[in-house]
């Protein structure tokens, strides 16, 4: 069956093949999404000590703050669960508008990192963005080593604000045209 939807995100859900897949997050996924978020806050959790009540309250508060911020800045954002052979492995949060598609967040649980999941999901997303002539945008912390990987994928720095760099990847067809004109 072929997907005729013009949404890049919908096409992503249809196009993925292999062991890494993305599915729309549902109410049943909230516990694993909380676990994914908590995995990004390990330094803070270590500072809180072993008190599980305090740790859970901290994660709940921080997760709520993140969700409110995303809802404010990217109201149409869609949260996807990254799955490896059907098992929840991470989160991919995307926002699509007239400017293209924005990777709001991509996070894999530590047990699934460095296994090609981010490459598989983003690779499919970027391929679809290329075929649809859409730009892909993201923000990354200045000191995050993954920004070099994004650069290898074709993302260029558009600006810096505080601790983050804005990066954009133009569709390959546009990039080739700009190179020919230079």
C-alpha atoms as a PDB file:
ATOM      1  CA  UNK A   1       0.000   0.000   0.000  1.00  0.00           C
ATOM      2  CA  UNK A   2       1.351   3.440  -0.927  1.00  0.00           C
ATOM      3  CA  UNK A   3       1.030   6.544   1.232  1.00  0.00           C
ATOM      4  CA  UNK A   4      -0.409   9.530  -0.629  1.00  0.00           C
ATOM      5  CA  UNK A   5      -0.418  11.882   2.379  1.00  0.00           C
ATOM      6  CA  UNK A   6       1.591  15.083   1.868  1.00  0.00           C
ATOM      7  CA  UNK A   7       2.792  15.168   5.481  1.00  0.00           C
ATOM      8  CA  UNK A   8       6.445  14.264   5.769  1.00  0.00           C
ATOM      9  CA  UNK A   9       5.818  12.792   9.236  1.00  0.00           C
ATOM     10  CA  UNK A  10       3.016  10.551   7.971  1.00  0.00           C
ATOM     11  CA  UNK A  11       5.243   9.391   5.130  1.00  0.00           C
ATOM     12  CA  UNK A  12       7.975   8.610   7.651  1.00  0.00           C
ATOM     13  CA  UNK A  13       5.608   6.311   9.521  1.00  0.00           C
ATOM     14  CA  UNK A  14       4.803   4.483   6.276  1.00  0.00           C
ATOM     15  CA  UNK A  15       8.305   4.376   4.788  1.00  0.00           C
ATOM     16  CA  UNK A  16      10.383   2.764   7.496  1.00  0.00           C
ATOM     17  CA  UNK A  17      11.651  -0.749   6.961  1.00  0.00           C
ATOM     18  CA  UNK A  18      14.019  -2.942   8.930  1.00  0.00           C
ATOM     19  CA  UNK A  19      14.503  -3.371  12.665  1.00  0.00           C
ATOM     20  CA  UNK A  20      14.175   0.361  13.509  1.00  0.00           C
ATOM     21  CA  UNK A  21      10.671   1.831  13.244  1.00  0.00           C
ATOM     22  CA  UNK A  22       8.818   4.887  14.508  1.00  0.00           C
ATOM     23  CA  UNK A  23       5.236   4.766  15.717  1.00  0.00           C
ATOM     24  CA  UNK A  24       2.981   7.497  17.062  1.00  0.00           C
ATOM     25  CA  UNK A  25       3.190   7.703  20.834  1.00  0.00           C
ATOM     26  CA  UNK A  26       0.020   6.684  22.642  1.00  0.00           C
ATOM     27  CA  UNK A  27      -1.143   6.739  26.255  1.00  0.00           C
ATOM     28  CA  UNK A  28       0.306   3.231  26.588  1.00  0.00           C
ATOM     29  CA  UNK A  29       3.785   4.613  25.772  1.00  0.00           C
ATOM     30  CA  UNK A  30       3.896   7.270  28.498  1.00  0.00           C
ATOM     31  CA  UNK A  31       5.890   5.172  30.987  1.00  0.00           C
ATOM     32  CA  UNK A  32       8.646   4.448  28.473  1.00  0.00           C
ATOM     33  CA  UNK A  33       8.669   8.078  27.311  1.00  0.00           C
ATOM     34  CA  UNK A  34       9.171   9.084  30.945  1.00  0.00           C
ATOM     35  CA  UNK A  35      12.041   6.585  31.157  1.00  0.00           C
ATOM     36  CA  UNK A  36      13.586   8.026  27.976  1.00  0.00           C
ATOM     37  CA  UNK A  37      13.348  11.533  29.412  1.00  0.00           C
ATOM     38  CA  UNK A  38      14.800  10.428  32.772  1.00  0.00           C
ATOM     39  CA  UNK A  39      17.772   8.889  30.953  1.00  0.00           C
ATOM     40  CA  UNK A  40      18.746  12.397  29.830  1.00  0.00           C
ATOM     41  CA  UNK A  41      18.749  13.708  33.400  1.00  0.00           C
ATOM     42  CA  UNK A  42      21.119  11.246  35.035  1.00  0.00           C
ATOM     43  CA  UNK A  43      23.517  13.920  36.352  1.00  0.00           C
ATOM     44  CA  UNK A  44      20.705  15.737  38.152  1.00  0.00           C
ATOM     45  CA  UNK A  45      19.248  12.469  39.440  1.00  0.00           C
ATOM     46  CA  UNK A  46      22.618  11.475  40.882  1.00  0.00           C
ATOM     47  CA  UNK A  47      22.730  14.771  42.770  1.00  0.00           C
ATOM     48  CA  UNK A  48      19.337  14.029  44.331  1.00  0.00           C
ATOM     49  CA  UNK A  49      20.577  10.845  45.958  1.00  0.00           C
ATOM     50  CA  UNK A  50      18.670   7.595  46.405  1.00  0.00           C
ATOM     51  CA  UNK A  51      15.345   9.089  47.577  1.00  0.00           C
ATOM     52  CA  UNK A  52      12.999   7.686  44.890  1.00  0.00           C
ATOM     53  CA  UNK A  53      10.133  10.002  45.873  1.00  0.00           C
ATOM     54  CA  UNK A  54      12.297  13.058  45.303  1.00  0.00           C
ATOM     55  CA  UNK A  55      13.720  11.624  42.078  1.00  0.00           C
ATOM     56  CA  UNK A  56      10.259  10.825  40.696  1.00  0.00           C
ATOM     57  CA  UNK A  57       8.958  14.282  41.640  1.00  0.00           C
ATOM     58  CA  UNK A  58      11.939  15.900  39.897  1.00  0.00           C
ATOM     59  CA  UNK A  59      11.427  13.866  36.708  1.00  0.00           C
ATOM     60  CA  UNK A  60       7.702  14.613  36.717  1.00  0.00           C
ATOM     61  CA  UNK A  61       8.288  18.340  37.137  1.00  0.00           C
ATOM     62  CA  UNK A  62      10.994  18.492  34.450  1.00  0.00           C
ATOM     63  CA  UNK A  63       9.011  16.366  31.993  1.00  0.00           C
ATOM     64  CA  UNK A  64       5.955  18.589  32.448  1.00  0.00           C
ATOM     65  CA  UNK A  65       8.101  21.690  31.874  1.00  0.00           C
ATOM     66  CA  UNK A  66       9.512  20.182  28.680  1.00  0.00           C
ATOM     67  CA  UNK A  67       6.067  19.235  27.373  1.00  0.00           C
ATOM     68  CA  UNK A  68       4.730  22.748  28.095  1.00  0.00           C
ATOM     69  CA  UNK A  69       7.704  24.332  26.335  1.00  0.00           C
ATOM     70  CA  UNK A  70       7.270  22.135  23.269  1.00  0.00           C
ATOM     71  CA  UNK A  71       3.513  22.823  23.205  1.00  0.00           C
ATOM     72  CA  UNK A  72       4.200  26.564  23.384  1.00  0.00           C
ATOM     73  CA  UNK A  73       6.878  26.693  20.676  1.00  0.00           C
ATOM     74  CA  UNK A  74       5.793  23.773  18.460  1.00  0.00           C
ATOM     75  CA  UNK A  75       2.059  23.264  19.008  1.00  0.00           C
ATOM     76  CA  UNK A  76       1.734  20.774  16.155  1.00  0.00           C
ATOM     77  CA  UNK A  77       4.656  18.618  17.336  1.00  0.00           C
ATOM     78  CA  UNK A  78       4.120  14.874  17.078  1.00  0.00           C
ATOM     79  CA  UNK A  79       5.814  12.535  19.526  1.00  0.00           C
ATOM     80  CA  UNK A  80       6.959   9.232  18.076  1.00  0.00           C
ATOM     81  CA  UNK A  81       8.330   6.166  19.808  1.00  0.00           C
ATOM     82  CA  UNK A  82      11.464   4.725  18.236  1.00  0.00           C
ATOM     83  CA  UNK A  83      11.260   0.942  18.316  1.00  0.00           C
ATOM     84  CA  UNK A  84      13.925  -1.670  17.747  1.00  0.00           C
ATOM     85  CA  UNK A  85      12.408  -4.950  16.621  1.00  0.00           C
ATOM     86  CA  UNK A  86       9.161  -3.846  18.233  1.00  0.00           C
ATOM     87  CA  UNK A  87      10.665  -2.888  21.603  1.00  0.00           C
ATOM     88  CA  UNK A  88      10.438   0.753  22.693  1.00  0.00           C
ATOM     89  CA  UNK A  89      13.947   2.206  22.428  1.00  0.00           C
ATOM     90  CA  UNK A  90      13.566   5.985  22.357  1.00  0.00           C
ATOM     91  CA  UNK A  91      11.700   9.060  21.256  1.00  0.00           C
ATOM     92  CA  UNK A  92      11.605  11.194  18.117  1.00  0.00           C
ATOM     93  CA  UNK A  93       9.646  14.432  18.462  1.00  0.00           C
ATOM     94  CA  UNK A  94       8.917  16.218  15.176  1.00  0.00           C
ATOM     95  CA  UNK A  95       7.171  19.437  14.170  1.00  0.00           C
ATOM     96  CA  UNK A  96       6.167  20.133  10.590  1.00  0.00           C
ATOM     97  CA  UNK A  97       5.172  23.490   9.125  1.00  0.00           C
ATOM     98  CA  UNK A  98       5.727  25.604   6.009  1.00  0.00           C
ATOM     99  CA  UNK A  99       9.439  25.994   6.881  1.00  0.00           C
ATOM    100  CA  UNK A 100       9.972  22.224   6.757  1.00  0.00           C
ATOM    101  CA  UNK A 101      10.309  19.658   9.487  1.00  0.00           C
ATOM    102  CA  UNK A 102      11.962  20.292  12.848  1.00  0.00           C
ATOM    103  CA  UNK A 103      13.584  17.592  14.923  1.00  0.00           C
ATOM    104  CA  UNK A 104      12.469  18.819  18.346  1.00  0.00           C
ATOM    105  CA  UNK A 105      14.134  15.893  20.110  1.00  0.00           C
ATOM    106  CA  UNK A 106      15.663  12.534  19.375  1.00  0.00           C
ATOM    107  CA  UNK A 107      16.734  10.410  22.321  1.00  0.00           C
ATOM    108  CA  UNK A 108      17.502   6.732  22.621  1.00  0.00           C
ATOM    109  CA  UNK A 109      17.626   4.811  25.867  1.00  0.00           C
ATOM    110  CA  UNK A 110      21.251   4.060  26.842  1.00  0.00           C
ATOM    111  CA  UNK A 111      20.819   0.327  26.079  1.00  0.00           C
ATOM    112  CA  UNK A 112      19.958   1.193  22.452  1.00  0.00           C
ATOM    113  CA  UNK A 113      22.507   3.911  21.776  1.00  0.00           C
ATOM    114  CA  UNK A 114      25.250   3.437  19.172  1.00  0.00           C
ATOM    115  CA  UNK A 115      23.289   0.719  17.383  1.00  0.00           C
ATOM    116  CA  UNK A 116      22.172   2.712  14.344  1.00  0.00           C
ATOM    117  CA  UNK A 117      18.684   3.698  15.510  1.00  0.00           C
ATOM    118  CA  UNK A 118      19.135   7.455  15.203  1.00  0.00           C
ATOM    119  CA  UNK A 119      20.861   6.979  11.839  1.00  0.00           C
ATOM    120  CA  UNK A 120      18.025   4.772  10.565  1.00  0.00           C
ATOM    121  CA  UNK A 121      15.234   7.114  11.688  1.00  0.00           C
ATOM    122  CA  UNK A 122      16.930  10.347  10.639  1.00  0.00           C
ATOM    123  CA  UNK A 123      18.185   8.764   7.421  1.00  0.00           C
ATOM    124  CA  UNK A 124      14.638   7.921   6.384  1.00  0.00           C
ATOM    125  CA  UNK A 125      13.405  11.355   7.470  1.00  0.00           C
ATOM    126  CA  UNK A 126      16.150  13.153   5.499  1.00  0.00           C
ATOM    127  CA  UNK A 127      15.564  11.001   2.415  1.00  0.00           C
ATOM    128  CA  UNK A 128      11.862  11.867   2.508  1.00  0.00           C
ATOM    129  CA  UNK A 129      12.657  15.561   3.088  1.00  0.00           C
ATOM    130  CA  UNK A 130      14.917  15.456   0.023  1.00  0.00           C
ATOM    131  CA  UNK A 131      12.269  13.821  -2.179  1.00  0.00           C
ATOM    132  CA  UNK A 132       9.651  16.317  -0.990  1.00  0.00           C
ATOM    133  CA  UNK A 133      11.990  19.340  -1.300  1.00  0.00           C
ATOM    134  CA  UNK A 134      11.656  20.164   2.420  1.00  0.00           C
ATOM    135  CA  UNK A 135      14.264  21.608   4.784  1.00  0.00           C
ATOM    136  CA  UNK A 136      15.040  19.913   8.097  1.00  0.00           C
ATOM    137  CA  UNK A 137      15.817  21.992  11.192  1.00  0.00           C
ATOM    138  CA  UNK A 138      17.068  21.299  14.713  1.00  0.00           C
ATOM    139  CA  UNK A 139      18.783  22.860  17.721  1.00  0.00           C
ATOM    140  CA  UNK A 140      21.721  21.230  19.458  1.00  0.00           C
ATOM    141  CA  UNK A 141      23.746  22.166  22.526  1.00  0.00           C
ATOM    142  CA  UNK A 142      27.030  23.813  21.533  1.00  0.00           C
ATOM    143  CA  UNK A 143      29.062  21.319  23.568  1.00  0.00           C
ATOM    144  CA  UNK A 144      27.177  18.234  22.337  1.00  0.00           C
ATOM    145  CA  UNK A 145      29.513  16.099  20.203  1.00  0.00           C
ATOM    146  CA  UNK A 146      26.541  14.882  18.136  1.00  0.00           C
ATOM    147  CA  UNK A 147      26.520  18.259  16.341  1.00  0.00           C
ATOM    148  CA  UNK A 148      29.514  17.010  14.309  1.00  0.00           C
ATOM    149  CA  UNK A 149      27.431  14.025  13.212  1.00  0.00           C
ATOM    150  CA  UNK A 150      24.638  16.391  12.179  1.00  0.00           C
ATOM    151  CA  UNK A 151      27.186  18.349  10.133  1.00  0.00           C
ATOM    152  CA  UNK A 152      28.204  15.123   8.351  1.00  0.00           C
ATOM    153  CA  UNK A 153      24.510  14.591   7.536  1.00  0.00           C
ATOM    154  CA  UNK A 154      24.479  17.969   5.773  1.00  0.00           C
ATOM    155  CA  UNK A 155      23.203  20.271   8.540  1.00  0.00           C
ATOM    156  CA  UNK A 156      24.729  23.756   8.547  1.00  0.00           C
ATOM    157  CA  UNK A 157      24.879  26.104  11.521  1.00  0.00           C
ATOM    158  CA  UNK A 158      22.388  28.945  11.082  1.00  0.00           C
ATOM    159  CA  UNK A 159      23.074  30.769  14.330  1.00  0.00           C
ATOM    160  CA  UNK A 160      23.782  30.508  18.021  1.00  0.00           C
ATOM    161  CA  UNK A 161      21.493  31.486  20.871  1.00  0.00           C
ATOM    162  CA  UNK A 162      22.698  30.927  24.411  1.00  0.00           C
ATOM    163  CA  UNK A 163      23.914  27.356  24.717  1.00  0.00           C
ATOM    164  CA  UNK A 164      22.297  26.126  21.487  1.00  0.00           C
ATOM    165  CA  UNK A 165      23.113  26.179  17.800  1.00  0.00           C
ATOM    166  CA  UNK A 166      20.367  26.274  15.186  1.00  0.00           C
ATOM    167  CA  UNK A 167      21.130  23.914  12.316  1.00  0.00           C
ATOM    168  CA  UNK A 168      19.377  23.430   8.986  1.00  0.00           C
ATOM    169  CA  UNK A 169      19.722  20.851   6.264  1.00  0.00           C
ATOM    170  CA  UNK A 170      18.413  21.898   2.887  1.00  0.00           C
ATOM    171  CA  UNK A 171      17.072  19.217   0.569  1.00  0.00           C
ATOM    172  CA  UNK A 172      19.843  17.573  -1.468  1.00  0.00           C
ATOM    173  CA  UNK A 173      18.445  18.941  -4.738  1.00  0.00           C
ATOM    174  CA  UNK A 174      18.618  22.499  -3.361  1.00  0.00           C
ATOM    175  CA  UNK A 175      22.118  21.891  -1.966  1.00  0.00           C
ATOM    176  CA  UNK A 176      23.346  20.595  -5.351  1.00  0.00           C
ATOM    177  CA  UNK A 177      21.844  23.627  -7.133  1.00  0.00           C
ATOM    178  CA  UNK A 178      23.496  26.055  -4.693  1.00  0.00           C
ATOM    179  CA  UNK A 179      26.842  24.278  -5.186  1.00  0.00           C
ATOM    180  CA  UNK A 180      26.522  24.548  -8.963  1.00  0.00           C
ATOM    181  CA  UNK A 181      25.767  28.294  -8.703  1.00  0.00           C
ATOM    182  CA  UNK A 182      28.829  28.996  -6.482  1.00  0.00           C
END
